C-alpha atoms as a PDB file:
ATOM      1  CA  UNK A   1       0.000   0.000   0.000  1.00  0.00           C
ATOM      2  CA  UNK A   2       1.385   3.365  -1.036  1.00  0.00           C
ATOM      3  CA  UNK A   3       1.871   6.130   1.472  1.00  0.00           C
ATOM      4  CA  UNK A   4      -0.746   8.901   1.111  1.00  0.00           C
ATOM      5  CA  UNK A   5       0.664  12.225  -0.110  1.00  0.00           C
ATOM      6  CA  UNK A   6       1.428  14.805   2.517  1.00  0.00           C
ATOM      7  CA  UNK A   7      -0.600  17.963   2.034  1.00  0.00           C
ATOM      8  CA  UNK A   8       1.099  21.341   2.702  1.00  0.00           C
ATOM      9  CA  UNK A   9      -0.226  22.928   5.854  1.00  0.00           C
ATOM     10  CA  UNK A  10       0.057  26.652   6.434  1.00  0.00           C
ATOM     11  CA  UNK A  11       1.297  27.573   9.862  1.00  0.00           C
ATOM     12  CA  UNK A  12      -1.131  30.105  11.241  1.00  0.00           C
ATOM     13  CA  UNK A  13       0.937  30.493  14.391  1.00  0.00           C
ATOM     14  CA  UNK A  14       3.801  31.939  12.373  1.00  0.00           C
ATOM     15  CA  UNK A  15       1.571  34.630  10.899  1.00  0.00           C
ATOM     16  CA  UNK A  16       0.089  35.414  14.286  1.00  0.00           C
ATOM     17  CA  UNK A  17       3.524  35.625  15.871  1.00  0.00           C
ATOM     18  CA  UNK A  18       4.752  37.968  13.137  1.00  0.00           C
ATOM     19  CA  UNK A  19       1.734  40.229  13.574  1.00  0.00           C
ATOM     20  CA  UNK A  20       2.169  40.305  17.337  1.00  0.00           C
ATOM     21  CA  UNK A  21       5.861  41.096  16.931  1.00  0.00           C
ATOM     22  CA  UNK A  22       5.105  44.033  14.648  1.00  0.00           C
ATOM     23  CA  UNK A  23       2.449  45.303  17.043  1.00  0.00           C
ATOM     24  CA  UNK A  24       4.808  45.037  19.994  1.00  0.00           C
ATOM     25  CA  UNK A  25       7.493  46.923  18.059  1.00  0.00           C
ATOM     26  CA  UNK A  26       5.080  49.801  17.509  1.00  0.00           C
ATOM     27  CA  UNK A  27       4.194  49.977  21.197  1.00  0.00           C
ATOM     28  CA  UNK A  28       7.734  49.364  22.408  1.00  0.00           C
ATOM     29  CA  UNK A  29       8.587  50.009  26.057  1.00  0.00           C
ATOM     30  CA  UNK A  30      11.063  52.722  25.038  1.00  0.00           C
ATOM     31  CA  UNK A  31       8.315  54.724  23.334  1.00  0.00           C
ATOM     32  CA  UNK A  32       5.947  54.328  26.272  1.00  0.00           C
ATOM     33  CA  UNK A  33       8.693  55.362  28.700  1.00  0.00           C
ATOM     34  CA  UNK A  34       9.537  58.393  26.570  1.00  0.00           C
ATOM     35  CA  UNK A  35       5.896  59.528  26.407  1.00  0.00           C
ATOM     36  CA  UNK A  36       5.457  59.041  30.149  1.00  0.00           C
ATOM     37  CA  UNK A  37       8.562  61.036  31.039  1.00  0.00           C
ATOM     38  CA  UNK A  38       7.697  63.744  28.506  1.00  0.00           C
ATOM     39  CA  UNK A  39       4.199  64.097  29.909  1.00  0.00           C
ATOM     40  CA  UNK A  40       5.609  64.398  33.419  1.00  0.00           C
ATOM     41  CA  UNK A  41       8.091  67.051  32.299  1.00  0.00           C
ATOM     42  CA  UNK A  42       5.367  69.072  30.584  1.00  0.00           C
ATOM     43  CA  UNK A  43       3.110  68.822  33.628  1.00  0.00           C
ATOM     44  CA  UNK A  44       5.894  69.979  35.938  1.00  0.00           C
ATOM     45  CA  UNK A  45       6.815  72.876  33.645  1.00  0.00           C
ATOM     46  CA  UNK A  46       3.212  74.049  33.296  1.00  0.00           C
ATOM     47  CA  UNK A  47       2.828  74.013  37.066  1.00  0.00           C
ATOM     48  CA  UNK A  48       5.393  76.853  37.189  1.00  0.00           C
ATOM     49  CA  UNK A  49       3.367  79.213  35.005  1.00  0.00           C
ATOM     50  CA  UNK A  50       2.312  82.597  36.361  1.00  0.00           C
ATOM     51  CA  UNK A  51      -1.351  83.602  36.834  1.00  0.00           C
ATOM     52  CA  UNK A  52      -2.854  84.745  33.554  1.00  0.00           C
ATOM     53  CA  UNK A  53      -4.548  87.658  35.325  1.00  0.00           C
ATOM     54  CA  UNK A  54      -1.099  88.939  36.218  1.00  0.00           C
ATOM     55  CA  UNK A  55      -0.030  88.618  32.605  1.00  0.00           C
ATOM     56  CA  UNK A  56      -2.871  90.811  31.313  1.00  0.00           C
ATOM     57  CA  UNK A  57      -3.080  93.299  34.183  1.00  0.00           C
ATOM     58  CA  UNK A  58      -3.953  96.530  32.355  1.00  0.00           C
ATOM     59  CA  UNK A  59      -2.633  98.761  35.155  1.00  0.00           C
ATOM     60  CA  UNK A  60       0.901  97.446  34.533  1.00  0.00           C
ATOM     61  CA  UNK A  61       1.175  98.503  30.897  1.00  0.00           C
ATOM     62  CA  UNK A  62       2.934 101.623  29.723  1.00  0.00           C
ATOM     63  CA  UNK A  63       4.795 102.769  26.645  1.00  0.00           C
ATOM     64  CA  UNK A  64       8.586 102.303  26.794  1.00  0.00           C
ATOM     65  CA  UNK A  65      10.626 105.497  26.507  1.00  0.00           C
ATOM     66  CA  UNK A  66      13.438 103.970  24.448  1.00  0.00           C
ATOM     67  CA  UNK A  67      14.472 100.842  22.594  1.00  0.00           C
ATOM     68  CA  UNK A  68      16.884  99.854  25.354  1.00  0.00           C
ATOM     69  CA  UNK A  69      14.105 100.075  27.919  1.00  0.00           C
ATOM     70  CA  UNK A  70      11.846  97.948  25.732  1.00  0.00           C
ATOM     71  CA  UNK A  71      14.618  95.361  25.363  1.00  0.00           C
ATOM     72  CA  UNK A  72      15.185  95.312  29.118  1.00  0.00           C
ATOM     73  CA  UNK A  73      11.464  94.859  29.724  1.00  0.00           C
ATOM     74  CA  UNK A  74      11.276  91.968  27.283  1.00  0.00           C
ATOM     75  CA  UNK A  75      14.223  90.246  28.988  1.00  0.00           C
ATOM     76  CA  UNK A  76      12.784  90.679  32.492  1.00  0.00           C
ATOM     77  CA  UNK A  77       9.261  89.723  31.488  1.00  0.00           C
ATOM     78  CA  UNK A  78      10.480  86.622  29.687  1.00  0.00           C
ATOM     79  CA  UNK A  79      12.405  85.636  32.812  1.00  0.00           C
ATOM     80  CA  UNK A  80       9.181  85.912  34.799  1.00  0.00           C
ATOM     81  CA  UNK A  81       6.511  84.795  32.312  1.00  0.00           C
ATOM     82  CA  UNK A  82       8.594  82.273  30.364  1.00  0.00           C
ATOM     83  CA  UNK A  83       6.134  79.392  30.789  1.00  0.00           C
ATOM     84  CA  UNK A  84       3.194  81.611  29.864  1.00  0.00           C
ATOM     85  CA  UNK A  85       5.021  82.881  26.796  1.00  0.00           C
ATOM     86  CA  UNK A  86       5.915  79.352  25.672  1.00  0.00           C
ATOM     87  CA  UNK A  87       2.285  78.362  26.172  1.00  0.00           C
ATOM     88  CA  UNK A  88       1.182  81.274  23.978  1.00  0.00           C
ATOM     89  CA  UNK A  89       3.632  80.191  21.290  1.00  0.00           C
ATOM     90  CA  UNK A  90       2.264  76.648  21.454  1.00  0.00           C
ATOM     91  CA  UNK A  91      -1.321  77.941  21.204  1.00  0.00           C
ATOM     92  CA  UNK A  92      -0.519  80.061  18.153  1.00  0.00           C
ATOM     93  CA  UNK A  93       1.280  77.134  16.520  1.00  0.00           C
ATOM     94  CA  UNK A  94      -1.571  74.726  17.319  1.00  0.00           C
ATOM     95  CA  UNK A  95      -4.184  77.163  15.980  1.00  0.00           C
ATOM     96  CA  UNK A  96      -2.215  77.616  12.753  1.00  0.00           C
ATOM     97  CA  UNK A  97      -1.926  73.855  12.245  1.00  0.00           C
ATOM     98  CA  UNK A  98      -5.577  73.210  13.080  1.00  0.00           C
ATOM     99  CA  UNK A  99      -6.632  75.847  10.552  1.00  0.00           C
ATOM    100  CA  UNK A 100      -4.611  73.978   7.901  1.00  0.00           C
ATOM    101  CA  UNK A 101      -5.565  70.283   8.194  1.00  0.00           C
ATOM    102  CA  UNK A 102      -3.353  69.171   5.294  1.00  0.00           C
ATOM    103  CA  UNK A 103      -0.241  70.674   6.893  1.00  0.00           C
ATOM    104  CA  UNK A 104      -1.195  69.176  10.246  1.00  0.00           C
ATOM    105  CA  UNK A 105      -1.661  65.715   8.724  1.00  0.00           C
ATOM    106  CA  UNK A 106       1.632  66.000   6.857  1.00  0.00           C
ATOM    107  CA  UNK A 107       3.541  67.054   9.976  1.00  0.00           C
ATOM    108  CA  UNK A 108       1.978  64.316  12.112  1.00  0.00           C
ATOM    109  CA  UNK A 109       2.782  61.710   9.455  1.00  0.00           C
ATOM    110  CA  UNK A 110       6.395  62.902   9.304  1.00  0.00           C
ATOM    111  CA  UNK A 111       6.724  62.748  13.086  1.00  0.00           C
ATOM    112  CA  UNK A 112       5.176  59.266  13.169  1.00  0.00           C
ATOM    113  CA  UNK A 113       7.606  58.110  10.491  1.00  0.00           C
ATOM    114  CA  UNK A 114      10.578  59.287  12.559  1.00  0.00           C
ATOM    115  CA  UNK A 115       9.254  57.664  15.734  1.00  0.00           C
ATOM    116  CA  UNK A 116       8.120  54.289  14.408  1.00  0.00           C
ATOM    117  CA  UNK A 117      10.519  53.736  11.520  1.00  0.00           C
ATOM    118  CA  UNK A 118      13.751  54.887  13.170  1.00  0.00           C
ATOM    119  CA  UNK A 119      13.807  56.301  16.699  1.00  0.00           C
ATOM    120  CA  UNK A 120      11.931  53.544  18.520  1.00  0.00           C
ATOM    121  CA  UNK A 121      12.217  50.694  16.045  1.00  0.00           C
ATOM    122  CA  UNK A 122      14.157  47.765  17.540  1.00  0.00           C
ATOM    123  CA  UNK A 123      17.585  47.491  15.955  1.00  0.00           C
ATOM    124  CA  UNK A 124      17.218  43.726  15.500  1.00  0.00           C
ATOM    125  CA  UNK A 125      14.159  44.195  13.282  1.00  0.00           C
ATOM    126  CA  UNK A 126      15.102  45.596   9.845  1.00  0.00           C
ATOM    127  CA  UNK A 127      12.677  47.807   7.987  1.00  0.00           C
ATOM    128  CA  UNK A 128      10.974  45.898   5.168  1.00  0.00           C
ATOM    129  CA  UNK A 129       8.773  47.750   2.657  1.00  0.00           C
ATOM    130  CA  UNK A 130       7.296  45.961  -0.383  1.00  0.00           C
ATOM    131  CA  UNK A 131       9.679  43.064   0.053  1.00  0.00           C
ATOM    132  CA  UNK A 132      12.810  45.232   0.195  1.00  0.00           C
ATOM    133  CA  UNK A 133      14.925  45.432   3.314  1.00  0.00           C
ATOM    134  CA  UNK A 134      16.307  48.875   4.198  1.00  0.00           C
ATOM    135  CA  UNK A 135      19.379  49.319   6.366  1.00  0.00           C
ATOM    136  CA  UNK A 136      19.502  51.862   9.178  1.00  0.00           C
ATOM    137  CA  UNK A 137      21.622  54.236   7.094  1.00  0.00           C
ATOM    138  CA  UNK A 138      19.181  54.039   4.203  1.00  0.00           C
ATOM    139  CA  UNK A 139      16.225  54.606   6.540  1.00  0.00           C
ATOM    140  CA  UNK A 140      17.924  57.623   8.109  1.00  0.00           C
ATOM    141  CA  UNK A 141      18.800  59.081   4.721  1.00  0.00           C
ATOM    142  CA  UNK A 142      15.248  58.649   3.424  1.00  0.00           C
ATOM    143  CA  UNK A 143      13.778  60.269   6.534  1.00  0.00           C
ATOM    144  CA  UNK A 144      16.170  63.230   6.326  1.00  0.00           C
ATOM    145  CA  UNK A 145      15.360  63.707   2.634  1.00  0.00           C
ATOM    146  CA  UNK A 146      11.635  63.430   3.390  1.00  0.00           C
ATOM    147  CA  UNK A 147      11.958  66.018   6.176  1.00  0.00           C
ATOM    148  CA  UNK A 148      13.745  68.464   3.865  1.00  0.00           C
ATOM    149  CA  UNK A 149      11.062  68.007   1.220  1.00  0.00           C
ATOM    150  CA  UNK A 150       8.205  68.479   3.694  1.00  0.00           C
ATOM    151  CA  UNK A 151       9.701  71.516   5.434  1.00  0.00           C
ATOM    152  CA  UNK A 152      11.141  73.391   2.460  1.00  0.00           C
ATOM    153  CA  UNK A 153       9.074  72.258  -0.547  1.00  0.00           C
ATOM    154  CA  UNK A 154       5.578  72.286   0.948  1.00  0.00           C
ATOM    155  CA  UNK A 155       3.444  74.762   2.846  1.00  0.00           C
ATOM    156  CA  UNK A 156       4.388  73.183   6.197  1.00  0.00           C
ATOM    157  CA  UNK A 157       7.653  75.091   6.553  1.00  0.00           C
ATOM    158  CA  UNK A 158       6.162  78.483   5.743  1.00  0.00           C
ATOM    159  CA  UNK A 159       3.233  77.787   8.062  1.00  0.00           C
ATOM    160  CA  UNK A 160       5.524  76.924  10.966  1.00  0.00           C
ATOM    161  CA  UNK A 161       7.751  79.950  10.388  1.00  0.00           C
ATOM    162  CA  UNK A 162       4.805  82.342  10.098  1.00  0.00           C
ATOM    163  CA  UNK A 163       3.179  80.916  13.255  1.00  0.00           C
ATOM    164  CA  UNK A 164       6.418  81.260  15.215  1.00  0.00           C
ATOM    165  CA  UNK A 165       6.919  84.810  13.952  1.00  0.00           C
ATOM    166  CA  UNK A 166       3.388  85.769  15.003  1.00  0.00           C
ATOM    167  CA  UNK A 167       3.905  84.188  18.415  1.00  0.00           C
ATOM    168  CA  UNK A 168       7.252  85.906  18.913  1.00  0.00           C
ATOM    169  CA  UNK A 169       5.701  89.207  17.830  1.00  0.00           C
ATOM    170  CA  UNK A 170       2.985  88.849  20.481  1.00  0.00           C
ATOM    171  CA  UNK A 171       5.587  88.011  23.130  1.00  0.00           C
ATOM    172  CA  UNK A 172       7.821  90.954  22.199  1.00  0.00           C
ATOM    173  CA  UNK A 173       4.950  93.451  22.116  1.00  0.00           C
ATOM    174  CA  UNK A 174       3.632  92.299  25.473  1.00  0.00           C
ATOM    175  CA  UNK A 175       7.100  92.170  27.012  1.00  0.00           C
ATOM    176  CA  UNK A 176       8.004  95.663  25.860  1.00  0.00           C
ATOM    177  CA  UNK A 177       4.793  97.273  27.180  1.00  0.00           C
ATOM    178  CA  UNK A 178       4.496  95.292  30.422  1.00  0.00           C
ATOM    179  CA  UNK A 179       6.187  97.173  33.291  1.00  0.00           C
ATOM    180  CA  UNK A 180       8.262  94.589  35.219  1.00  0.00           C
ATOM    181  CA  UNK A 181       8.915  96.663  38.360  1.00  0.00           C
ATOM    182  CA  UNK A 182       6.194  94.899  40.339  1.00  0.00           C
ATOM    183  CA  UNK A 183       7.434  91.417  39.440  1.00  0.00           C
ATOM    184  CA  UNK A 184       9.382  89.283  41.892  1.00  0.00           C
ATOM    185  CA  UNK A 185      12.351  88.054  39.907  1.00  0.00           C
ATOM    186  CA  UNK A 186      14.404  86.627  42.750  1.00  0.00           C
ATOM    187  CA  UNK A 187      12.651  83.253  42.679  1.00  0.00           C
ATOM    188  CA  UNK A 188      13.114  82.582  38.998  1.00  0.00           C
ATOM    189  CA  UNK A 189      16.144  80.367  39.128  1.00  0.00           C
ATOM    190  CA  UNK A 190      14.381  77.448  40.758  1.00  0.00           C
ATOM    191  CA  UNK A 191      15.344  74.046  39.375  1.00  0.00           C
ATOM    192  CA  UNK A 192      13.125  72.995  36.517  1.00  0.00           C
ATOM    193  CA  UNK A 193      11.589  76.444  35.959  1.00  0.00           C
ATOM    194  CA  UNK A 194      13.918  77.751  33.257  1.00  0.00           C
ATOM    195  CA  UNK A 195      13.649  77.176  29.545  1.00  0.00           C
ATOM    196  CA  UNK A 196      16.929  75.266  29.485  1.00  0.00           C
ATOM    197  CA  UNK A 197      15.736  73.084  32.353  1.00  0.00           C
ATOM    198  CA  UNK A 198      12.606  72.306  30.351  1.00  0.00           C
ATOM    199  CA  UNK A 199      14.685  71.310  27.341  1.00  0.00           C
ATOM    200  CA  UNK A 200      17.024  69.349  29.599  1.00  0.00           C
ATOM    201  CA  UNK A 201      14.078  67.514  31.100  1.00  0.00           C
ATOM    202  CA  UNK A 202      12.894  66.473  27.653  1.00  0.00           C
ATOM    203  CA  UNK A 203      16.428  65.362  26.800  1.00  0.00           C
ATOM    204  CA  UNK A 204      16.648  63.285  29.976  1.00  0.00           C
ATOM    205  CA  UNK A 205      13.319  61.718  29.033  1.00  0.00           C
ATOM    206  CA  UNK A 206      14.743  60.704  25.686  1.00  0.00           C
ATOM    207  CA  UNK A 207      17.852  59.348  27.379  1.00  0.00           C
ATOM    208  CA  UNK A 208      15.770  57.285  29.771  1.00  0.00           C
ATOM    209  CA  UNK A 209      13.760  55.904  26.877  1.00  0.00           C
ATOM    210  CA  UNK A 210      16.931  55.043  25.006  1.00  0.00           C
ATOM    211  CA  UNK A 211      18.189  53.192  28.066  1.00  0.00           C
ATOM    212  CA  UNK A 212      15.129  50.973  27.953  1.00  0.00           C
ATOM    213  CA  UNK A 213      15.316  50.340  24.226  1.00  0.00           C
ATOM    214  CA  UNK A 214      18.220  50.021  21.787  1.00  0.00           C
ATOM    215  CA  UNK A 215      20.621  52.880  21.362  1.00  0.00           C
ATOM    216  CA  UNK A 216      20.044  55.089  18.340  1.00  0.00           C
ATOM    217  CA  UNK A 217      23.716  55.936  18.010  1.00  0.00           C
ATOM    218  CA  UNK A 218      24.627  52.345  17.206  1.00  0.00           C
ATOM    219  CA  UNK A 219      22.440  52.488  14.104  1.00  0.00           C
ATOM    220  CA  UNK A 220      24.682  54.805  12.106  1.00  0.00           C
END
């Protein structure tokens, strides 16, 4: 009696495992740790903002007598209202992006590409698109080229620049007309309340996330 032919059997577990691996790479612990630390840093920085009623107190506004006085006022007011000013810049930028949905979608897609395709992609999992495997150098080069195209060859770059210029104009006008004599500037150098401390906190968040996941420097 002849042996019956063996029929090919597809392994469904392999497909399921591959799908689960790709899903776990998207929600990697390094990305979750980065988002958690970044959210904590933002919350701590926003807790140091000044009362908005103090920012718009009409009795504290007067016209500067000279350009040097206006510059001094801007410097002192930024030292005191730095978190409020950064919040205003973020509001202006968010409003500009929300009023241009295409630019917002393009910028979000670019940011997602950087996060999921390079920054938080496990180094032991190569990027495969349409059956072609891309090395880390090729992925980085494509992302840099894509960023240049999006920022300089589309409306995204001009929108961001115009929003930042409008926000900076609002900050400079307010800072030059707001009289800073009634402000208490001696408590401004508290840890975590300066702009550089805010940037440093975000950098430490990224470093902590990199410690959980693979190092980005080893890619290139």
